[in-house]
Amino acid sequence: MTTSSLKQWLLAVTAVFTLAAVAPAQAELLRDENPYLLLEKVANKTFDRIGTDRQLISADLDHLRVIIREEMMPYVDWVYASKRVLGRALQDTTPEQRQEFYSVFRDYLIATYGRAFTAYDESKHTVEFGDPNRFDGSSRMVEVNTRVVEAGTGRPPIRMDFKMRYDKDDNIWKAYDLVVEGVSLLNSKQAEVAQVIRQRGIDGTIELLREKAAEPIRQYQEGDDKL
């Protein structure tokens, strides 16, 4: 895997924290008042699940959708992030269009992240988490720093900064953006969606997202995270 492709993979894979689906109602959430510690718990639990389910994944790559939906999606502010992605177009949509956009964008992201996780190898990739003592306890929006290391390559760690905000309704920290090597996923997706809306309109954008979401999970290739 080249440095470029690794960065593309990380942008798609870890960005799963950025936008998401609703957690199953029966799932018990991990909780921690410190967003640094919560992020570490969620990431470790997800990567452990991938290792445990490796045979199921090998038999059917679509099983990655299940893991993403169950392990990662509860810890993201998908409504806030989706509104940010729509940007100025938000005011030009009806309530029904907005809800449909949120739904199909969620499904599109699950499929995209599923493909991205096909490049993950638990025997090679590790994540170094930021110092939890950096959190002062009073902030309600923070940036949590992490680094991804690929063993045996000699490459420098990939810098990843998660932007998180405290959800007062659910009383839990949730991620809404990921900045990889200085590039914001939220800004990138906003630019992509804005271009598609200009070309197709909001209804055409929704239909494109629905088509992308329906595509089967396959081995990740560069560009798979693009609309």
Protein backbone atom coordinates (compact mmCIF):
# COMPACT_ATOMS: atom_id res chain seq x y z
CA MET A 1 0.00 0.00 0.00
CA THR A 2 1.49 3.37 -1.02
CA THR A 3 1.60 6.38 1.31
CA SER A 4 -1.07 8.03 -0.83
CA SER A 5 -3.41 5.05 -0.74
CA LEU A 6 -2.87 4.62 2.99
CA LYS A 7 -3.90 8.22 3.58
CA GLN A 8 -6.95 7.78 1.36
CA TRP A 9 -7.89 4.66 3.30
CA LEU A 10 -7.47 6.37 6.64
CA LEU A 11 -9.54 9.31 5.49
CA ALA A 12 -12.39 6.99 4.63
CA VAL A 13 -11.98 4.46 7.43
CA THR A 14 -11.59 6.64 10.42
CA ALA A 15 -13.94 9.19 9.11
CA VAL A 16 -16.65 6.75 9.99
CA PHE A 17 -16.59 8.63 13.27
CA THR A 18 -17.57 11.77 11.44
CA LEU A 19 -21.04 10.93 10.06
CA ALA A 20 -23.18 8.01 11.01
CA ALA A 21 -26.30 6.01 11.52
CA VAL A 22 -28.52 5.64 14.54
CA ALA A 23 -27.47 3.02 17.06
CA PRO A 24 -29.69 0.03 17.72
CA ALA A 25 -32.08 0.90 20.53
CA GLN A 26 -30.98 -2.06 22.62
CA ALA A 27 -27.26 -1.31 22.40
CA GLU A 28 -25.58 -0.21 25.63
CA LEU A 29 -23.38 2.78 24.94
CA LEU A 30 -19.83 3.11 26.15
CA ARG A 31 -19.57 6.23 28.26
CA ASP A 32 -16.81 8.47 29.53
CA GLU A 33 -16.85 12.15 30.47
CA ASN A 34 -13.41 12.47 28.88
CA PRO A 35 -13.70 12.46 25.05
CA TYR A 36 -10.11 11.22 24.69
CA LEU A 37 -10.88 8.12 26.71
CA LEU A 38 -14.23 7.54 25.01
CA LEU A 39 -12.67 7.68 21.55
CA GLU A 40 -10.03 5.17 22.59
CA LYS A 41 -12.65 2.79 23.99
CA VAL A 42 -14.80 2.96 20.85
CA ALA A 43 -11.85 2.48 18.49
CA ASN A 44 -10.44 -0.46 20.41
CA LYS A 45 -13.83 -2.15 20.65
CA THR A 46 -14.38 -1.74 16.91
CA PHE A 47 -10.96 -3.06 15.91
CA ASP A 48 -11.35 -5.97 18.33
CA ARG A 49 -14.70 -6.81 16.72
CA ILE A 50 -13.09 -6.82 13.27
CA GLY A 51 -10.42 -9.23 14.49
CA THR A 52 -13.01 -11.48 16.13
CA ASP A 53 -15.24 -11.49 13.04
CA ARG A 54 -12.41 -11.91 10.54
CA GLN A 55 -13.76 -15.25 9.22
CA LEU A 56 -17.23 -13.76 8.72
CA ILE A 57 -15.71 -10.81 6.89
CA SER A 58 -13.65 -13.09 4.66
CA ALA A 59 -16.78 -15.04 3.76
CA ASP A 60 -18.91 -11.95 3.14
CA LEU A 61 -17.49 -8.43 3.00
CA ASP A 62 -20.96 -7.00 3.61
CA HIS A 63 -20.56 -8.15 7.23
CA LEU A 64 -18.47 -5.00 7.68
CA ARG A 65 -21.71 -3.02 7.46
CA VAL A 66 -22.93 -4.78 10.59
CA ILE A 67 -19.76 -4.00 12.52
CA ILE A 68 -19.76 -0.35 11.51
CA ARG A 69 -23.44 0.08 12.31
CA GLU A 70 -23.22 -1.60 15.70
CA GLU A 71 -19.82 -0.54 17.02
CA MET A 72 -19.10 2.93 15.66
CA MET A 73 -22.25 4.70 14.59
CA PRO A 74 -23.70 5.45 18.05
CA TYR A 75 -20.81 7.80 18.80
CA VAL A 76 -21.23 10.37 16.05
CA ASP A 77 -23.37 13.46 15.73
CA TRP A 78 -24.89 12.52 12.40
CA VAL A 79 -27.61 15.18 12.35
CA TYR A 80 -25.19 18.03 13.06
CA ALA A 81 -22.64 16.72 10.56
CA SER A 82 -25.26 16.13 7.86
CA LYS A 83 -26.49 19.70 8.19
CA ARG A 84 -22.92 20.93 7.85
CA VAL A 85 -22.46 18.81 4.72
CA LEU A 86 -25.59 20.28 3.14
CA GLY A 87 -24.30 23.75 3.96
CA ARG A 88 -26.17 26.57 2.22
CA ALA A 89 -28.36 24.08 0.39
CA LEU A 90 -30.03 23.25 3.70
CA GLN A 91 -32.25 26.34 3.54
CA ASP A 92 -33.44 25.40 0.06
CA THR A 93 -34.73 21.95 1.07
CA THR A 94 -38.05 20.90 2.48
CA PRO A 95 -38.22 19.06 5.81
CA GLU A 96 -39.01 15.88 3.90
CA GLN A 97 -35.99 16.29 1.60
CA ARG A 98 -33.70 16.92 4.57
CA GLN A 99 -34.82 13.79 6.37
CA GLU A 100 -34.43 11.72 3.20
CA PHE A 101 -30.97 13.20 2.62
CA TYR A 102 -29.87 12.31 6.16
CA SER A 103 -31.11 8.74 5.69
CA VAL A 104 -29.50 8.00 2.32
CA PHE A 105 -26.28 9.80 3.25
CA ARG A 106 -26.04 7.59 6.32
CA ASP A 107 -26.46 4.48 4.19
CA TYR A 108 -23.92 5.77 1.65
CA LEU A 109 -21.37 6.31 4.41
CA ILE A 110 -21.88 2.84 5.84
CA ALA A 111 -21.17 1.32 2.43
CA THR A 112 -18.17 3.59 1.87
CA TYR A 113 -16.65 2.81 5.24
CA GLY A 114 -17.29 -0.88 4.70
CA ARG A 115 -15.14 -0.77 1.57
CA ALA A 116 -12.51 1.25 3.42
CA PHE A 117 -12.26 -1.32 6.19
CA THR A 118 -11.38 -4.02 3.67
CA ALA A 119 -7.89 -2.43 3.70
CA TYR A 120 -7.58 -2.75 7.49
CA ASP A 121 -5.23 -5.42 8.84
CA GLU A 122 -5.28 -5.78 12.62
CA SER A 123 -1.82 -7.37 12.51
CA LYS A 124 -0.26 -4.23 10.96
CA HIS A 125 -2.28 -1.13 11.84
CA THR A 126 -2.32 0.42 15.31
CA VAL A 127 -3.66 3.70 16.66
CA GLU A 128 -1.83 5.90 19.17
CA PHE A 129 -4.25 8.00 21.20
CA GLY A 130 -3.75 11.50 22.57
CA ASP A 131 -3.11 12.28 26.23
CA PRO A 132 -6.48 12.34 28.06
CA ASN A 133 -5.03 14.82 30.56
CA ARG A 134 -5.23 17.48 27.86
CA PHE A 135 -9.00 17.65 28.41
CA ASP A 136 -9.78 20.37 30.97
CA GLY A 137 -13.26 19.10 31.81
CA SER A 138 -15.11 22.33 31.02
CA SER A 139 -15.08 22.34 27.21
CA ARG A 140 -18.03 21.11 25.21
CA MET A 141 -16.22 21.06 21.85
CA VAL A 142 -12.74 19.55 21.59
CA GLU A 143 -10.24 18.22 19.08
CA VAL A 144 -8.84 14.81 20.01
CA ASN A 145 -5.48 13.97 18.46
CA THR A 146 -4.54 10.45 17.34
CA ARG A 147 -1.88 8.86 15.15
CA VAL A 148 -2.11 5.74 12.95
CA VAL A 149 1.01 3.58 12.65
CA GLU A 150 1.57 0.87 10.03
CA ALA A 151 4.11 -1.64 11.32
CA GLY A 152 7.08 -2.68 9.24
CA THR A 153 6.91 0.13 6.67
CA GLY A 154 9.11 2.81 8.19
CA ARG A 155 6.53 5.43 7.24
CA PRO A 156 5.82 8.27 9.68
CA PRO A 157 2.54 8.05 11.61
CA ILE A 158 -0.55 9.54 9.97
CA ARG A 159 -1.96 12.47 11.93
CA MET A 160 -5.69 12.33 12.64
CA ASP A 161 -7.59 14.89 14.70
CA PHE A 162 -11.20 14.13 15.67
CA LYS A 163 -13.52 17.06 16.30
CA MET A 164 -16.04 16.15 18.99
CA ARG A 165 -18.94 17.88 20.70
CA TYR A 166 -20.97 17.00 23.77
CA ASP A 167 -24.54 15.95 22.98
CA LYS A 168 -26.66 17.27 25.84
CA ASP A 169 -29.68 15.23 24.76
CA ASP A 170 -27.88 11.90 24.88
CA ASN A 171 -25.34 12.98 27.51
CA ILE A 172 -22.41 11.62 25.55
CA TRP A 173 -19.49 12.88 23.47
CA LYS A 174 -19.89 12.42 19.71
CA ALA A 175 -17.55 13.03 16.79
CA TYR A 176 -18.65 15.21 13.91
CA ASP A 177 -15.47 15.77 11.86
CA LEU A 178 -12.07 14.23 11.20
CA VAL A 179 -9.01 16.13 10.03
CA VAL A 180 -6.40 13.86 8.39
CA GLU A 181 -3.02 15.47 7.77
CA GLY A 182 -4.72 18.87 7.83
CA VAL A 183 -7.60 17.90 5.52
CA SER A 184 -11.12 18.10 6.99
CA LEU A 185 -13.42 15.29 5.91
CA LEU A 186 -16.46 17.44 6.66
CA ASN A 187 -15.24 20.21 4.37
CA SER A 188 -14.33 17.72 1.64
CA LYS A 189 -17.76 16.09 1.70
CA GLN A 190 -19.47 19.47 1.79
CA ALA A 191 -17.65 20.46 -1.40
CA GLU A 192 -18.53 17.17 -3.13
CA VAL A 193 -22.19 17.34 -2.17
CA ALA A 194 -22.45 21.00 -3.19
CA GLN A 195 -21.12 20.15 -6.65
CA VAL A 196 -23.55 17.27 -7.08
CA ILE A 197 -26.46 19.45 -5.94
CA ARG A 198 -25.53 22.08 -8.54
CA GLN A 199 -25.52 19.41 -11.23
CA ARG A 200 -28.47 17.25 -10.17
CA GLY A 201 -30.48 19.21 -7.63
CA ILE A 202 -31.25 17.89 -4.15
CA ASP A 203 -33.52 15.09 -5.38
CA GLY A 204 -30.92 13.94 -7.89
CA THR A 205 -28.26 14.03 -5.17
CA ILE A 206 -30.41 11.89 -2.92
CA GLU A 207 -30.90 9.39 -5.74
CA LEU A 208 -27.14 9.23 -6.42
CA LEU A 209 -26.43 8.59 -2.76
CA ARG A 210 -29.06 5.85 -2.73
CA GLU A 211 -27.43 4.16 -5.74
CA LYS A 212 -23.96 4.40 -4.17
CA ALA A 213 -25.24 3.00 -0.90
CA ALA A 214 -26.75 -0.02 -2.63
CA GLU A 215 -23.46 -1.09 -4.23
CA PRO A 216 -21.99 -4.25 -2.66
CA ILE A 217 -18.92 -4.02 -0.45
CA ARG A 218 -15.76 -4.75 -2.42
CA GLN A 219 -12.03 -4.41 -1.83
CA TYR A 220 -11.12 -0.76 -1.32
CA GLN A 221 -9.55 1.19 -4.16
CA GLU A 222 -8.46 4.82 -4.24
CA GLY A 223 -11.42 7.02 -5.09
CA ASP A 224 -14.02 4.75 -3.51
CA ASP A 225 -14.74 7.45 -0.92
CA LYS A 226 -15.75 9.94 -3.61
CA LEU A 227 -19.25 10.62 -4.90
